Full PDB file with SEQRES, HELIX, SHEET, SSBOND, CRYST1, ORIGX, SCALE, CONECT and MASTER records, all heavy atoms in Angstrom:
SEQRES   1 A   32  LEU VAL ILE PRO VAL ASP GLY THR GLN THR LYS TYR LYS          
SEQRES   2 A   32  VAL VAL GLY ILE GLN PRO ASP GLY THR GLY LEU THR THR          
SEQRES   3 A   32  LEU ILE LEU LEU ALA ILE                                      
SHEET    1 AA1 3 VAL A   2  VAL A   5  0                                        
SHEET    2 AA1 3 THR A   8  PRO A  19 -1                                        
SHEET    3 AA1 3 THR A  25  ALA A  31 -1                                        
CRYST1    1.000    1.000    1.000  90.00  90.00  90.00 P 1           1          
ORIGX1      1.000000  0.000000  0.000000        0.00000                         
ORIGX2      0.000000  1.000000  0.000000        0.00000                         
ORIGX3      0.000000  0.000000  1.000000        0.00000                         
SCALE1      1.000000  0.000000  0.000000        0.00000                         
SCALE2      0.000000  1.000000  0.000000        0.00000                         
SCALE3      0.000000  0.000000  1.000000        0.00000                         
ATOM      1  N   LEU A   1    -202.833  39.671 262.001  1.00  0.00           N  
ATOM      2  CA  LEU A   1    -201.738  40.364 261.438  1.00  0.00           C  
ATOM      3  C   LEU A   1    -202.308  41.126 260.190  1.00  0.00           C  
ATOM      4  O   LEU A   1    -203.289  40.766 259.602  1.00  0.00           O  
ATOM      5  CB  LEU A   1    -200.656  39.467 260.800  1.00  0.00           C  
ATOM      6  CG  LEU A   1    -200.045  38.422 261.814  1.00  0.00           C  
ATOM      7  CD1 LEU A   1    -199.167  37.515 261.028  1.00  0.00           C  
ATOM      8  CD2 LEU A   1    -199.204  39.102 262.806  1.00  0.00           C  
ATOM      9  N   VAL A   2    -201.606  42.248 259.803  1.00  0.00           N  
ATOM     10  CA  VAL A   2    -201.965  42.962 258.606  1.00  0.00           C  
ATOM     11  C   VAL A   2    -200.766  43.011 257.778  1.00  0.00           C  
ATOM     12  O   VAL A   2    -199.683  43.332 258.195  1.00  0.00           O  
ATOM     13  CB  VAL A   2    -202.536  44.503 258.857  1.00  0.00           C  
ATOM     14  CG1 VAL A   2    -202.758  45.131 257.538  1.00  0.00           C  
ATOM     15  CG2 VAL A   2    -203.689  44.372 259.766  1.00  0.00           C  
ATOM     16  N   ILE A   3    -200.839  42.480 256.492  1.00  0.00           N  
ATOM     17  CA  ILE A   3    -199.730  42.315 255.608  1.00  0.00           C  
ATOM     18  C   ILE A   3    -200.007  43.034 254.231  1.00  0.00           C  
ATOM     19  O   ILE A   3    -201.044  42.920 253.637  1.00  0.00           O  
ATOM     20  CB  ILE A   3    -199.370  40.980 255.382  1.00  0.00           C  
ATOM     21  CG1 ILE A   3    -199.050  40.247 256.694  1.00  0.00           C  
ATOM     22  CG2 ILE A   3    -198.165  40.719 254.406  1.00  0.00           C  
ATOM     23  CD1 ILE A   3    -198.942  38.670 256.666  1.00  0.00           C  
ATOM     24  N   PRO A   4    -199.062  43.853 253.796  1.00  0.00           N  
ATOM     25  CA  PRO A   4    -199.239  44.486 252.480  1.00  0.00           C  
ATOM     26  C   PRO A   4    -199.072  43.386 251.434  1.00  0.00           C  
ATOM     27  O   PRO A   4    -198.105  42.828 251.258  1.00  0.00           O  
ATOM     28  CB  PRO A   4    -198.152  45.589 252.403  1.00  0.00           C  
ATOM     29  CG  PRO A   4    -197.063  45.135 253.387  1.00  0.00           C  
ATOM     30  CD  PRO A   4    -197.874  44.262 254.476  1.00  0.00           C  
ATOM     31  N   VAL A   5    -200.183  43.235 250.625  1.00  0.00           N  
ATOM     32  CA  VAL A   5    -200.128  42.250 249.530  1.00  0.00           C  
ATOM     33  C   VAL A   5    -200.655  43.033 248.276  1.00  0.00           C  
ATOM     34  O   VAL A   5    -201.788  43.503 248.209  1.00  0.00           O  
ATOM     35  CB  VAL A   5    -201.042  41.008 249.700  1.00  0.00           C  
ATOM     36  CG1 VAL A   5    -200.994  40.106 248.633  1.00  0.00           C  
ATOM     37  CG2 VAL A   5    -200.598  40.366 251.117  1.00  0.00           C  
ATOM     38  N   ASP A   6    -199.697  43.105 247.322  1.00  0.00           N  
ATOM     39  CA  ASP A   6    -200.118  43.804 246.026  1.00  0.00           C  
ATOM     40  C   ASP A   6    -200.729  45.268 246.273  1.00  0.00           C  
ATOM     41  O   ASP A   6    -201.672  45.585 245.720  1.00  0.00           O  
ATOM     42  CB  ASP A   6    -201.052  42.970 245.149  1.00  0.00           C  
ATOM     43  CG  ASP A   6    -200.403  41.667 244.757  1.00  0.00           C  
ATOM     44  OD1 ASP A   6    -199.184  41.652 244.537  1.00  0.00           O  
ATOM     45  OD2 ASP A   6    -201.188  40.645 244.676  1.00  0.00           O  
ATOM     46  N   GLY A   7    -200.140  45.960 247.237  1.00  0.00           N  
ATOM     47  CA  GLY A   7    -200.623  47.388 247.544  1.00  0.00           C  
ATOM     48  C   GLY A   7    -201.787  47.439 248.391  1.00  0.00           C  
ATOM     49  O   GLY A   7    -202.223  48.524 248.633  1.00  0.00           O  
ATOM     50  N   THR A   8    -202.340  46.343 248.824  1.00  0.00           N  
ATOM     51  CA  THR A   8    -203.506  46.298 249.687  1.00  0.00           C  
ATOM     52  C   THR A   8    -203.092  45.783 251.025  1.00  0.00           C  
ATOM     53  O   THR A   8    -202.461  44.725 251.134  1.00  0.00           O  
ATOM     54  CB  THR A   8    -204.611  45.445 249.106  1.00  0.00           C  
ATOM     55  OG1 THR A   8    -204.914  45.991 247.839  1.00  0.00           O  
ATOM     56  CG2 THR A   8    -205.807  45.451 250.080  1.00  0.00           C  
ATOM     57  N   GLN A   9    -203.589  46.377 252.139  1.00  0.00           N  
ATOM     58  CA  GLN A   9    -203.399  45.943 253.471  1.00  0.00           C  
ATOM     59  C   GLN A   9    -204.352  44.785 253.766  1.00  0.00           C  
ATOM     60  O   GLN A   9    -205.601  44.971 253.897  1.00  0.00           O  
ATOM     61  CB  GLN A   9    -203.547  47.008 254.540  1.00  0.00           C  
ATOM     62  CG  GLN A   9    -202.619  48.236 254.400  1.00  0.00           C  
ATOM     63  CD  GLN A   9    -201.178  47.754 254.608  1.00  0.00           C  
ATOM     64  OE1 GLN A   9    -200.931  46.990 255.547  1.00  0.00           O  
ATOM     65  NE2 GLN A   9    -200.249  48.188 253.750  1.00  0.00           N  
ATOM     66  N   THR A  10    -203.878  43.576 253.800  1.00  0.00           N  
ATOM     67  CA  THR A  10    -204.738  42.363 253.915  1.00  0.00           C  
ATOM     68  C   THR A  10    -204.587  41.770 255.331  1.00  0.00           C  
ATOM     69  O   THR A  10    -203.533  41.694 255.927  1.00  0.00           O  
ATOM     70  CB  THR A  10    -204.261  41.310 252.900  1.00  0.00           C  
ATOM     71  OG1 THR A  10    -204.335  41.876 251.551  1.00  0.00           O  
ATOM     72  CG2 THR A  10    -205.133  40.044 252.909  1.00  0.00           C  
ATOM     73  N   LYS A  11    -205.731  41.452 255.966  1.00  0.00           N  
ATOM     74  CA  LYS A  11    -205.796  40.871 257.235  1.00  0.00           C  
ATOM     75  C   LYS A  11    -205.683  39.344 257.255  1.00  0.00           C  
ATOM     76  O   LYS A  11    -206.383  38.700 256.327  1.00  0.00           O  
ATOM     77  CB  LYS A  11    -207.102  41.297 258.054  1.00  0.00           C  
ATOM     78  CG  LYS A  11    -207.090  42.697 258.297  1.00  0.00           C  
ATOM     79  CD  LYS A  11    -208.371  43.010 259.146  1.00  0.00           C  
ATOM     80  CE  LYS A  11    -208.493  44.508 259.525  1.00  0.00           C  
ATOM     81  NZ  LYS A  11    -209.606  44.862 260.309  1.00  0.00           N  
ATOM     82  N   TYR A  12    -204.928  38.912 258.162  1.00  0.00           N  
ATOM     83  CA  TYR A  12    -204.738  37.425 258.293  1.00  0.00           C  
ATOM     84  C   TYR A  12    -204.917  37.040 259.745  1.00  0.00           C  
ATOM     85  O   TYR A  12    -204.658  37.810 260.651  1.00  0.00           O  
ATOM     86  CB  TYR A  12    -203.388  36.913 257.861  1.00  0.00           C  
ATOM     87  CG  TYR A  12    -203.154  37.071 256.326  1.00  0.00           C  
ATOM     88  CD1 TYR A  12    -202.540  38.334 255.789  1.00  0.00           C  
ATOM     89  CD2 TYR A  12    -203.463  35.994 255.515  1.00  0.00           C  
ATOM     90  CE1 TYR A  12    -202.425  38.355 254.483  1.00  0.00           C  
ATOM     91  CE2 TYR A  12    -203.063  36.199 254.119  1.00  0.00           C  
ATOM     92  CZ  TYR A  12    -202.713  37.377 253.575  1.00  0.00           C  
ATOM     93  OH  TYR A  12    -202.525  37.481 252.235  1.00  0.00           O  
ATOM     94  N   LYS A  13    -205.213  35.731 260.011  1.00  0.00           N  
ATOM     95  CA  LYS A  13    -205.254  35.199 261.387  1.00  0.00           C  
ATOM     96  C   LYS A  13    -204.261  34.121 261.431  1.00  0.00           C  
ATOM     97  O   LYS A  13    -204.065  33.449 260.434  1.00  0.00           O  
ATOM     98  CB  LYS A  13    -206.583  34.824 261.873  1.00  0.00           C  
ATOM     99  CG  LYS A  13    -207.217  33.651 261.243  1.00  0.00           C  
ATOM    100  CD  LYS A  13    -208.642  33.362 261.871  1.00  0.00           C  
ATOM    101  CE  LYS A  13    -209.266  32.286 261.042  1.00  0.00           C  
ATOM    102  NZ  LYS A  13    -210.619  32.045 261.649  1.00  0.00           N  
ATOM    103  N   VAL A  14    -203.563  33.971 262.456  1.00  0.00           N  
ATOM    104  CA  VAL A  14    -202.644  33.016 262.778  1.00  0.00           C  
ATOM    105  C   VAL A  14    -203.175  31.688 262.966  1.00  0.00           C  
ATOM    106  O   VAL A  14    -203.987  31.517 263.921  1.00  0.00           O  
ATOM    107  CB  VAL A  14    -201.662  33.379 263.830  1.00  0.00           C  
ATOM    108  CG1 VAL A  14    -200.589  32.291 264.126  1.00  0.00           C  
ATOM    109  CG2 VAL A  14    -200.946  34.619 263.628  1.00  0.00           C  
ATOM    110  N   VAL A  15    -202.925  30.672 262.226  1.00  0.00           N  
ATOM    111  CA  VAL A  15    -203.442  29.307 262.385  1.00  0.00           C  
ATOM    112  C   VAL A  15    -202.456  28.277 262.740  1.00  0.00           C  
ATOM    113  O   VAL A  15    -202.721  27.140 263.022  1.00  0.00           O  
ATOM    114  CB  VAL A  15    -204.403  28.829 261.218  1.00  0.00           C  
ATOM    115  CG1 VAL A  15    -205.574  29.766 261.120  1.00  0.00           C  
ATOM    116  CG2 VAL A  15    -203.605  28.784 259.934  1.00  0.00           C  
ATOM    117  N   GLY A  16    -201.108  28.662 262.661  1.00  0.00           N  
ATOM    118  CA  GLY A  16    -200.017  27.839 263.015  1.00  0.00           C  
ATOM    119  C   GLY A  16    -198.896  28.607 263.456  1.00  0.00           C  
ATOM    120  O   GLY A  16    -198.580  29.700 262.862  1.00  0.00           O  
ATOM    121  N   ILE A  17    -198.103  28.135 264.338  1.00  0.00           N  
ATOM    122  CA  ILE A  17    -196.826  28.808 264.785  1.00  0.00           C  
ATOM    123  C   ILE A  17    -195.815  27.744 264.830  1.00  0.00           C  
ATOM    124  O   ILE A  17    -195.832  26.732 265.627  1.00  0.00           O  
ATOM    125  CB  ILE A  17    -197.144  29.406 266.254  1.00  0.00           C  
ATOM    126  CG1 ILE A  17    -198.288  30.306 266.233  1.00  0.00           C  
ATOM    127  CG2 ILE A  17    -195.866  30.012 266.763  1.00  0.00           C  
ATOM    128  CD1 ILE A  17    -198.818  30.669 267.642  1.00  0.00           C  
ATOM    129  N   GLN A  18    -194.743  28.009 264.056  1.00  0.00           N  
ATOM    130  CA  GLN A  18    -193.614  27.046 263.906  1.00  0.00           C  
ATOM    131  C   GLN A  18    -192.278  27.684 264.085  1.00  0.00           C  
ATOM    132  O   GLN A  18    -191.590  28.076 263.243  1.00  0.00           O  
ATOM    133  CB  GLN A  18    -193.665  26.445 262.431  1.00  0.00           C  
ATOM    134  CG  GLN A  18    -194.968  25.805 262.151  1.00  0.00           C  
ATOM    135  CD  GLN A  18    -195.111  25.289 260.725  1.00  0.00           C  
ATOM    136  OE1 GLN A  18    -194.275  25.683 259.865  1.00  0.00           O  
ATOM    137  NE2 GLN A  18    -195.948  24.364 260.497  1.00  0.00           N  
ATOM    138  N   PRO A  19    -191.821  27.718 265.412  1.00  0.00           N  
ATOM    139  CA  PRO A  19    -190.467  28.255 265.643  1.00  0.00           C  
ATOM    140  C   PRO A  19    -189.512  27.194 265.200  1.00  0.00           C  
ATOM    141  O   PRO A  19    -189.655  25.986 265.315  1.00  0.00           O  
ATOM    142  CB  PRO A  19    -190.411  28.423 267.194  1.00  0.00           C  
ATOM    143  CG  PRO A  19    -191.475  27.509 267.710  1.00  0.00           C  
ATOM    144  CD  PRO A  19    -192.563  27.364 266.660  1.00  0.00           C  
ATOM    145  N   ASP A  20    -188.366  27.628 264.618  1.00  0.00           N  
ATOM    146  CA  ASP A  20    -187.350  26.698 264.083  1.00  0.00           C  
ATOM    147  C   ASP A  20    -186.120  26.504 264.968  1.00  0.00           C  
ATOM    148  O   ASP A  20    -185.294  25.717 264.642  1.00  0.00           O  
ATOM    149  CB  ASP A  20    -186.969  27.105 262.670  1.00  0.00           C  
ATOM    150  CG  ASP A  20    -186.112  28.390 262.591  1.00  0.00           C  
ATOM    151  OD1 ASP A  20    -185.765  28.926 263.668  1.00  0.00           O  
ATOM    152  OD2 ASP A  20    -185.723  28.809 261.509  1.00  0.00           O  
ATOM    153  N   GLY A  21    -186.156  27.143 266.162  1.00  0.00           N  
ATOM    154  CA  GLY A  21    -184.986  26.935 267.068  1.00  0.00           C  
ATOM    155  C   GLY A  21    -183.754  27.825 266.764  1.00  0.00           C  
ATOM    156  O   GLY A  21    -182.775  27.733 267.470  1.00  0.00           O  
ATOM    157  N   THR A  22    -183.784  28.595 265.599  1.00  0.00           N  
ATOM    158  CA  THR A  22    -182.643  29.480 265.312  1.00  0.00           C  
ATOM    159  C   THR A  22    -182.927  30.957 265.560  1.00  0.00           C  
ATOM    160  O   THR A  22    -182.095  31.836 265.236  1.00  0.00           O  
ATOM    161  CB  THR A  22    -182.292  29.294 263.800  1.00  0.00           C  
ATOM    162  OG1 THR A  22    -183.352  29.857 263.004  1.00  0.00           O  
ATOM    163  CG2 THR A  22    -181.996  27.826 263.452  1.00  0.00           C  
ATOM    164  N   GLY A  23    -184.144  31.285 266.002  1.00  0.00           N  
ATOM    165  CA  GLY A  23    -184.510  32.613 266.157  1.00  0.00           C  
ATOM    166  C   GLY A  23    -185.531  33.122 265.284  1.00  0.00           C  
ATOM    167  O   GLY A  23    -185.985  34.255 265.247  1.00  0.00           O  
ATOM    168  N   LEU A  24    -185.968  32.176 264.287  1.00  0.00           N  
ATOM    169  CA  LEU A  24    -186.964  32.485 263.353  1.00  0.00           C  
ATOM    170  C   LEU A  24    -188.280  31.761 263.679  1.00  0.00           C  
ATOM    171  O   LEU A  24    -188.207  30.537 264.091  1.00  0.00           O  
ATOM    172  CB  LEU A  24    -186.592  32.255 261.958  1.00  0.00           C  
ATOM    173  CG  LEU A  24    -185.545  33.217 261.424  1.00  0.00           C  
ATOM    174  CD1 LEU A  24    -184.991  32.704 260.067  1.00  0.00           C  
ATOM    175  CD2 LEU A  24    -186.090  34.647 261.244  1.00  0.00           C  
ATOM    176  N   THR A  25    -189.385  32.272 263.423  1.00  0.00           N  
ATOM    177  CA  THR A  25    -190.763  31.543 263.490  1.00  0.00           C  
ATOM    178  C   THR A  25    -191.512  31.740 262.202  1.00  0.00           C  
ATOM    179  O   THR A  25    -191.583  32.785 261.790  1.00  0.00           O  
ATOM    180  CB  THR A  25    -191.588  32.052 264.711  1.00  0.00           C  
ATOM    181  OG1 THR A  25    -190.733  31.821 266.050  1.00  0.00           O  
ATOM    182  CG2 THR A  25    -192.814  31.461 264.789  1.00  0.00           C  
ATOM    183  N   THR A  26    -192.061  30.667 261.734  1.00  0.00           N  
ATOM    184  CA  THR A  26    -192.962  30.634 260.604  1.00  0.00           C  
ATOM    185  C   THR A  26    -194.348  30.671 261.098  1.00  0.00           C  
ATOM    186  O   THR A  26    -194.710  29.779 261.847  1.00  0.00           O  
ATOM    187  CB  THR A  26    -192.687  29.545 259.578  1.00  0.00           C  
ATOM    188  OG1 THR A  26    -191.321  29.653 259.132  1.00  0.00           O  
ATOM    189  CG2 THR A  26    -193.639  29.598 258.464  1.00  0.00           C  
ATOM    190  N   LEU A  27    -195.089  31.633 260.624  1.00  0.00           N  
ATOM    191  CA  LEU A  27    -196.515  31.740 261.042  1.00  0.00           C  
ATOM    192  C   LEU A  27    -197.332  31.280 259.838  1.00  0.00           C  
ATOM    193  O   LEU A  27    -197.232  31.740 258.739  1.00  0.00           O  
ATOM    194  CB  LEU A  27    -196.953  33.136 261.356  1.00  0.00           C  
ATOM    195  CG  LEU A  27    -196.088  33.828 262.492  1.00  0.00           C  
ATOM    196  CD1 LEU A  27    -196.453  35.292 262.624  1.00  0.00           C  
ATOM    197  CD2 LEU A  27    -196.268  33.138 263.844  1.00  0.00           C  
ATOM    198  N   ILE A  28    -198.220  30.301 260.154  1.00  0.00           N  
ATOM    199  CA  ILE A  28    -199.092  29.778 259.046  1.00  0.00           C  
ATOM    200  C   ILE A  28    -200.304  30.696 259.200  1.00  0.00           C  
ATOM    201  O   ILE A  28    -200.964  30.921 260.313  1.00  0.00           O  
ATOM    202  CB  ILE A  28    -199.439  28.342 259.305  1.00  0.00           C  
ATOM    203  CG1 ILE A  28    -198.206  27.527 259.570  1.00  0.00           C  
ATOM    204  CG2 ILE A  28    -200.351  27.827 258.172  1.00  0.00           C  
ATOM    205  CD1 ILE A  28    -197.151  27.580 258.411  1.00  0.00           C  
ATOM    206  N   LEU A  29    -200.822  31.224 258.072  1.00  0.00           N  
ATOM    207  CA  LEU A  29    -201.846  32.235 258.029  1.00  0.00           C  
ATOM    208  C   LEU A  29    -203.034  31.838 257.254  1.00  0.00           C  
ATOM    209  O   LEU A  29    -203.010  31.036 256.395  1.00  0.00           O  
ATOM    210  CB  LEU A  29    -201.306  33.509 257.506  1.00  0.00           C  
ATOM    211  CG  LEU A  29    -200.008  34.126 258.107  1.00  0.00           C  
ATOM    212  CD1 LEU A  29    -199.499  35.164 257.284  1.00  0.00           C  
ATOM    213  CD2 LEU A  29    -200.239  34.456 259.544  1.00  0.00           C  
ATOM    214  N   LEU A  30    -204.187  32.541 257.593  1.00  0.00           N  
ATOM    215  CA  LEU A  30    -205.448  32.317 256.865  1.00  0.00           C  
ATOM    216  C   LEU A  30    -205.952  33.712 256.646  1.00  0.00           C  
ATOM    217  O   LEU A  30    -206.185  34.490 257.585  1.00  0.00           O  
ATOM    218  CB  LEU A  30    -206.417  31.433 257.624  1.00  0.00           C  
ATOM    219  CG  LEU A  30    -207.808  31.170 257.066  1.00  0.00           C  
ATOM    220  CD1 LEU A  30    -207.597  30.372 255.762  1.00  0.00           C  
ATOM    221  CD2 LEU A  30    -208.679  30.433 258.055  1.00  0.00           C  
ATOM    222  N   ALA A  31    -206.320  33.998 255.416  1.00  0.00           N  
ATOM    223  CA  ALA A  31    -206.813  35.331 255.067  1.00  0.00           C  
ATOM    224  C   ALA A  31    -208.235  35.509 255.667  1.00  0.00           C  
ATOM    225  O   ALA A  31    -208.987  34.555 255.708  1.00  0.00           O  
ATOM    226  CB  ALA A  31    -206.904  35.549 253.588  1.00  0.00           C  
ATOM    227  N   ILE A  32    -208.546  36.716 256.322  1.00  0.00           N  
ATOM    228  CA  ILE A  32    -209.930  36.965 256.807  1.00  0.00           C  
ATOM    229  C   ILE A  32    -210.500  38.190 256.181  1.00  0.00           C  
ATOM    230  O   ILE A  32    -209.861  38.891 255.525  1.00  0.00           O  
ATOM    231  CB  ILE A  32    -209.802  37.104 258.365  1.00  0.00           C  
ATOM    232  CG1 ILE A  32    -208.863  38.224 258.777  1.00  0.00           C  
ATOM    233  CG2 ILE A  32    -209.485  35.793 258.972  1.00  0.00           C  
ATOM    234  CD1 ILE A  32    -208.838  38.504 260.226  1.00  0.00           C  
TER     235      ILE A  32                                                      
MASTER        0    0    0    0    3    0    0    6  234    1    0    3          
END                                                                             
């Protein structure tokens, strides 16, 4: 994923996937 953090496009990789059953998913990330 690429996420804007403090004005910089920061790359992350997904290390965890946690769907909550309501239509939302929390992705656990690690900066690369």
